[in-house]
């Protein structure tokens, strides 16, 4: 399996992981679990929890990769990271 096959496999895993976290919050989003980041820009506990689970998995599976997320700061692991 080449690295791109590995990345594709990991992407599917990440979608499943993030989706499973989001399903736990399904129909439980309300004004107590959502906050505004700016005009028309909202974030929920579900968003953050899903992102945390995805980042944790990437960190375990691909520990040298930098990570750019929507809800938190960029995670830089190496000045020379390929990805």
C-alpha atoms as a PDB file:
ATOM      1  CA  UNK A   1       0.000   0.000   0.000  1.00  0.00           C
ATOM      2  CA  UNK A   2       1.510   3.351  -1.005  1.00  0.00           C
ATOM      3  CA  UNK A   3       1.246   6.476   1.129  1.00  0.00           C
ATOM      4  CA  UNK A   4      -1.701   7.840  -0.853  1.00  0.00           C
ATOM      5  CA  UNK A   5      -3.656   4.620  -0.293  1.00  0.00           C
ATOM      6  CA  UNK A   6      -2.853   4.980   3.399  1.00  0.00           C
ATOM      7  CA  UNK A   7      -4.060   8.601   3.345  1.00  0.00           C
ATOM      8  CA  UNK A   8      -7.307   7.591   1.606  1.00  0.00           C
ATOM      9  CA  UNK A   9      -7.891   4.813   4.151  1.00  0.00           C
ATOM     10  CA  UNK A  10      -7.211   7.239   6.993  1.00  0.00           C
ATOM     11  CA  UNK A  11      -9.566   9.844   5.480  1.00  0.00           C
ATOM     12  CA  UNK A  12     -12.403   7.301   5.500  1.00  0.00           C
ATOM     13  CA  UNK A  13     -11.572   6.385   9.103  1.00  0.00           C
ATOM     14  CA  UNK A  14     -11.595  10.074  10.044  1.00  0.00           C
ATOM     15  CA  UNK A  15     -14.996  10.612   8.435  1.00  0.00           C
ATOM     16  CA  UNK A  16     -16.377   7.669  10.424  1.00  0.00           C
ATOM     17  CA  UNK A  17     -14.787   8.876  13.663  1.00  0.00           C
ATOM     18  CA  UNK A  18     -16.021  12.449  13.273  1.00  0.00           C
ATOM     19  CA  UNK A  19     -19.461  11.311  12.153  1.00  0.00           C
ATOM     20  CA  UNK A  20     -19.855   8.975  15.115  1.00  0.00           C
ATOM     21  CA  UNK A  21     -19.048  11.803  17.514  1.00  0.00           C
ATOM     22  CA  UNK A  22     -21.528  14.103  15.771  1.00  0.00           C
ATOM     23  CA  UNK A  23     -24.265  11.460  15.985  1.00  0.00           C
ATOM     24  CA  UNK A  24     -23.941  11.506  19.778  1.00  0.00           C
ATOM     25  CA  UNK A  25     -24.973  15.170  19.678  1.00  0.00           C
ATOM     26  CA  UNK A  26     -27.758  14.722  17.115  1.00  0.00           C
ATOM     27  CA  UNK A  27     -30.935  16.518  18.268  1.00  0.00           C
ATOM     28  CA  UNK A  28     -29.103  17.772  21.375  1.00  0.00           C
ATOM     29  CA  UNK A  29     -27.777  21.057  20.013  1.00  0.00           C
ATOM     30  CA  UNK A  30     -29.222  24.133  21.701  1.00  0.00           C
ATOM     31  CA  UNK A  31     -28.285  27.655  22.753  1.00  0.00           C
ATOM     32  CA  UNK A  32     -26.265  26.231  25.662  1.00  0.00           C
ATOM     33  CA  UNK A  33     -24.045  24.148  23.380  1.00  0.00           C
ATOM     34  CA  UNK A  34     -23.466  26.720  20.620  1.00  0.00           C
ATOM     35  CA  UNK A  35     -21.540  29.975  20.605  1.00  0.00           C
ATOM     36  CA  UNK A  36     -20.813  32.654  18.068  1.00  0.00           C
ATOM     37  CA  UNK A  37     -17.304  33.136  16.712  1.00  0.00           C
ATOM     38  CA  UNK A  38     -18.412  36.126  14.675  1.00  0.00           C
ATOM     39  CA  UNK A  39     -21.233  37.326  12.471  1.00  0.00           C
ATOM     40  CA  UNK A  40     -22.863  34.229  11.004  1.00  0.00           C
ATOM     41  CA  UNK A  41     -20.041  32.029  12.315  1.00  0.00           C
ATOM     42  CA  UNK A  42     -21.152  29.483  14.912  1.00  0.00           C
ATOM     43  CA  UNK A  43     -19.411  26.636  16.714  1.00  0.00           C
ATOM     44  CA  UNK A  44     -20.963  23.921  18.848  1.00  0.00           C
ATOM     45  CA  UNK A  45     -19.721  21.429  21.405  1.00  0.00           C
ATOM     46  CA  UNK A  46     -20.354  18.822  18.713  1.00  0.00           C
ATOM     47  CA  UNK A  47     -18.029  20.634  16.287  1.00  0.00           C
ATOM     48  CA  UNK A  48     -15.247  20.782  18.843  1.00  0.00           C
ATOM     49  CA  UNK A  49     -15.691  17.195  20.033  1.00  0.00           C
ATOM     50  CA  UNK A  50     -15.675  15.861  16.480  1.00  0.00           C
ATOM     51  CA  UNK A  51     -12.599  17.887  15.609  1.00  0.00           C
ATOM     52  CA  UNK A  52     -10.829  16.693  18.777  1.00  0.00           C
ATOM     53  CA  UNK A  53     -11.508  13.051  17.886  1.00  0.00           C
ATOM     54  CA  UNK A  54     -10.249  13.587  14.330  1.00  0.00           C
ATOM     55  CA  UNK A  55      -7.094  15.392  15.483  1.00  0.00           C
ATOM     56  CA  UNK A  56      -6.388  12.679  18.064  1.00  0.00           C
ATOM     57  CA  UNK A  57      -6.600   9.992  15.367  1.00  0.00           C
ATOM     58  CA  UNK A  58      -4.353  11.913  12.955  1.00  0.00           C
ATOM     59  CA  UNK A  59      -1.867  12.490  15.770  1.00  0.00           C
ATOM     60  CA  UNK A  60      -1.685   8.748  16.450  1.00  0.00           C
ATOM     61  CA  UNK A  61      -1.662   7.549  12.835  1.00  0.00           C
ATOM     62  CA  UNK A  62       0.459  10.297  11.247  1.00  0.00           C
ATOM     63  CA  UNK A  63       2.422  11.940  14.061  1.00  0.00           C
ATOM     64  CA  UNK A  64       4.730  13.925  11.761  1.00  0.00           C
ATOM     65  CA  UNK A  65       1.916  15.647   9.854  1.00  0.00           C
ATOM     66  CA  UNK A  66       0.949  19.242  10.504  1.00  0.00           C
ATOM     67  CA  UNK A  67      -2.768  19.739  11.115  1.00  0.00           C
ATOM     68  CA  UNK A  68      -4.889  22.735  10.116  1.00  0.00           C
ATOM     69  CA  UNK A  69      -8.347  22.766  11.692  1.00  0.00           C
ATOM     70  CA  UNK A  70     -11.359  25.032  11.639  1.00  0.00           C
ATOM     71  CA  UNK A  71     -11.906  25.469  15.369  1.00  0.00           C
ATOM     72  CA  UNK A  72      -8.399  25.586  16.839  1.00  0.00           C
ATOM     73  CA  UNK A  73      -4.952  26.804  15.970  1.00  0.00           C
ATOM     74  CA  UNK A  74      -2.769  25.039  13.446  1.00  0.00           C
ATOM     75  CA  UNK A  75      -0.724  22.194  14.893  1.00  0.00           C
ATOM     76  CA  UNK A  76       2.806  22.353  13.496  1.00  0.00           C
ATOM     77  CA  UNK A  77       4.961  19.318  14.127  1.00  0.00           C
ATOM     78  CA  UNK A  78       7.864  19.947  11.797  1.00  0.00           C
ATOM     79  CA  UNK A  79       9.146  22.884   9.834  1.00  0.00           C
ATOM     80  CA  UNK A  80       9.666  20.495   6.925  1.00  0.00           C
ATOM     81  CA  UNK A  81       6.434  18.501   7.113  1.00  0.00           C
ATOM     82  CA  UNK A  82       5.401  17.197   3.705  1.00  0.00           C
ATOM     83  CA  UNK A  83       1.721  17.492   4.633  1.00  0.00           C
END
